[in-house]
Amino acid sequence: MPRKCKGKPTDVPDAVLEYFAGPSRIMSASEVEDAMRRFKKALLEKALGAELTHHLGYPLGAKPETATNHRNGTTPKTVLTDDGAGT
C-alpha cells in the first residue's frame, strides 16, 4: 500500500513555482528536466552541508579552537540518482 503524503502536494514556496512555471515562463520538456536536475543537485548539496554541520557541531566558517575534526575544503563528488550520475 502506498504511503500517504503528510503535507499538501503544493508545499513548494510560490516564488519557486513562479520561477519555473509562472505565466511568463514557458519551458520545453528538456528545460524542465535540466531544471529538475539542477534543483536536485542544489538540494542534495544543501542537505549534505547541513549533515556535515550537524556532525561537526559548528557551522561553516566557525571552527572552534578545541575542535579536532574540521572541514578541510571540498572536492567534487558523483552522486548516482534515477536521472543518472551527477557531479
C-alpha atoms as a PDB file:
ATOM      1  CA  MET A   1       0.000   0.000   0.000  1.00  0.00           C
ATOM      2  CA  PRO A   2       1.495   3.397  -0.966  1.00  0.00           C
ATOM      3  CA  ARG A   3       2.435   5.825   1.767  1.00  0.00           C
ATOM      4  CA  LYS A   4       0.337   8.954   2.077  1.00  0.00           C
ATOM      5  CA  CYS A   5       1.925  12.373   1.767  1.00  0.00           C
ATOM      6  CA  LYS A   6       1.876  14.140   5.144  1.00  0.00           C
ATOM      7  CA  GLY A   7       1.838  17.648   3.682  1.00  0.00           C
ATOM      8  CA  LYS A   8      -0.065  19.250   0.884  1.00  0.00           C
ATOM      9  CA  PRO A   9       1.263  18.350  -2.575  1.00  0.00           C
ATOM     10  CA  THR A  10       1.947  22.064  -3.097  1.00  0.00           C
ATOM     11  CA  ASP A  11       4.225  22.661  -0.102  1.00  0.00           C
ATOM     12  CA  VAL A  12       6.668  24.311  -2.512  1.00  0.00           C
ATOM     13  CA  PRO A  13       7.019  28.080  -1.980  1.00  0.00           C
ATOM     14  CA  ASP A  14       5.101  30.150  -4.525  1.00  0.00           C
ATOM     15  CA  ALA A  15       8.282  32.012  -5.515  1.00  0.00           C
ATOM     16  CA  VAL A  16       9.874  28.738  -6.670  1.00  0.00           C
ATOM     17  CA  LEU A  17       6.782  27.727  -8.610  1.00  0.00           C
ATOM     18  CA  GLU A  18       6.557  31.164 -10.243  1.00  0.00           C
ATOM     19  CA  TYR A  19      10.217  30.968 -11.259  1.00  0.00           C
ATOM     20  CA  PHE A  20       9.761  27.645 -13.020  1.00  0.00           C
ATOM     21  CA  ALA A  21       6.135  27.762 -14.095  1.00  0.00           C
ATOM     22  CA  GLY A  22       4.986  31.370 -13.986  1.00  0.00           C
ATOM     23  CA  PRO A  23       2.739  32.781 -16.702  1.00  0.00           C
ATOM     24  CA  SER A  24       5.690  34.469 -18.432  1.00  0.00           C
ATOM     25  CA  ARG A  25       7.842  31.305 -18.360  1.00  0.00           C
ATOM     26  CA  ILE A  26       7.209  28.571 -20.894  1.00  0.00           C
ATOM     27  CA  MET A  27       9.642  25.671 -20.657  1.00  0.00           C
ATOM     28  CA  SER A  28      10.251  22.808 -23.020  1.00  0.00           C
ATOM     29  CA  ALA A  29      10.459  19.249 -21.695  1.00  0.00           C
ATOM     30  CA  SER A  30      14.254  19.300 -21.864  1.00  0.00           C
ATOM     31  CA  GLU A  31      14.373  22.612 -19.964  1.00  0.00           C
ATOM     32  CA  VAL A  32      12.144  21.146 -17.257  1.00  0.00           C
ATOM     33  CA  GLU A  33      14.395  18.079 -16.953  1.00  0.00           C
ATOM     34  CA  ASP A  34      17.513  20.269 -16.785  1.00  0.00           C
ATOM     35  CA  ALA A  35      15.926  22.497 -14.135  1.00  0.00           C
ATOM     36  CA  MET A  36      14.924  19.462 -12.075  1.00  0.00           C
ATOM     37  CA  ARG A  37      18.477  18.058 -12.231  1.00  0.00           C
ATOM     38  CA  ARG A  38      19.922  21.402 -11.097  1.00  0.00           C
ATOM     39  CA  PHE A  39      17.318  21.653  -8.331  1.00  0.00           C
ATOM     40  CA  LYS A  40      18.033  18.105  -7.150  1.00  0.00           C
ATOM     41  CA  LYS A  41      21.778  18.813  -7.124  1.00  0.00           C
ATOM     42  CA  ALA A  42      21.349  22.027  -5.119  1.00  0.00           C
ATOM     43  CA  LEU A  43      19.012  20.292  -2.669  1.00  0.00           C
ATOM     44  CA  LEU A  44      21.438  17.393  -2.126  1.00  0.00           C
ATOM     45  CA  GLU A  45      24.390  19.747  -1.624  1.00  0.00           C
ATOM     46  CA  LYS A  46      22.414  21.785   0.911  1.00  0.00           C
ATOM     47  CA  ALA A  47      21.329  18.636   2.781  1.00  0.00           C
ATOM     48  CA  LEU A  48      24.871  17.205   2.830  1.00  0.00           C
ATOM     49  CA  GLY A  49      26.248  20.528   4.082  1.00  0.00           C
ATOM     50  CA  ALA A  50      23.663  20.562   6.876  1.00  0.00           C
ATOM     51  CA  GLU A  51      24.540  16.968   7.759  1.00  0.00           C
ATOM     52  CA  LEU A  52      28.232  17.884   7.997  1.00  0.00           C
ATOM     53  CA  THR A  53      27.405  20.914  10.149  1.00  0.00           C
ATOM     54  CA  HIS A  54      25.378  18.691  12.477  1.00  0.00           C
ATOM     55  CA  HIS A  55      28.133  16.064  12.602  1.00  0.00           C
ATOM     56  CA  LEU A  56      30.901  18.557  13.366  1.00  0.00           C
ATOM     57  CA  GLY A  57      28.808  20.629  15.762  1.00  0.00           C
ATOM     58  CA  TYR A  58      29.605  24.036  14.268  1.00  0.00           C
ATOM     59  CA  PRO A  59      28.589  25.944  11.120  1.00  0.00           C
ATOM     60  CA  LEU A  60      30.752  26.584   8.088  1.00  0.00           C
ATOM     61  CA  GLY A  61      33.453  29.185   8.788  1.00  0.00           C
ATOM     62  CA  ALA A  62      33.212  28.979  12.591  1.00  0.00           C
ATOM     63  CA  LYS A  63      35.763  26.345  13.636  1.00  0.00           C
ATOM     64  CA  PRO A  64      36.213  26.321  17.409  1.00  0.00           C
ATOM     65  CA  GLU A  65      39.796  26.272  18.712  1.00  0.00           C
ATOM     66  CA  THR A  66      39.224  22.982  20.530  1.00  0.00           C
ATOM     67  CA  ALA A  67      37.770  21.110  17.527  1.00  0.00           C
ATOM     68  CA  THR A  68      39.907  18.206  16.359  1.00  0.00           C
ATOM     69  CA  ASN A  69      37.633  17.306  13.446  1.00  0.00           C
ATOM     70  CA  HIS A  70      37.210  20.079  10.894  1.00  0.00           C
ATOM     71  CA  ARG A  71      36.269  20.935   7.337  1.00  0.00           C
ATOM     72  CA  ASN A  72      39.245  20.883   5.022  1.00  0.00           C
ATOM     73  CA  GLY A  73      37.817  22.102   1.732  1.00  0.00           C
ATOM     74  CA  THR A  74      35.624  20.496  -0.884  1.00  0.00           C
ATOM     75  CA  THR A  75      36.144  18.031  -3.664  1.00  0.00           C
ATOM     76  CA  PRO A  76      33.779  17.107  -6.485  1.00  0.00           C
ATOM     77  CA  LYS A  77      31.506  14.171  -5.747  1.00  0.00           C
ATOM     78  CA  THR A  78      29.479  11.982  -8.102  1.00  0.00           C
ATOM     79  CA  VAL A  79      26.015  11.046  -6.892  1.00  0.00           C
ATOM     80  CA  LEU A  80      24.025   8.323  -8.628  1.00  0.00           C
ATOM     81  CA  THR A  81      20.315   9.122  -8.953  1.00  0.00           C
ATOM     82  CA  ASP A  82      17.409   7.955 -11.083  1.00  0.00           C
ATOM     83  CA  ASP A  83      18.472  10.674 -13.541  1.00  0.00           C
ATOM     84  CA  GLY A  84      21.959   9.189 -13.846  1.00  0.00           C
ATOM     85  CA  ALA A  85      25.330  10.247 -12.490  1.00  0.00           C
ATOM     86  CA  GLY A  86      25.768  13.866 -11.479  1.00  0.00           C
ATOM     87  CA  THR A  87      28.682  15.827 -10.077  1.00  0.00           C
END
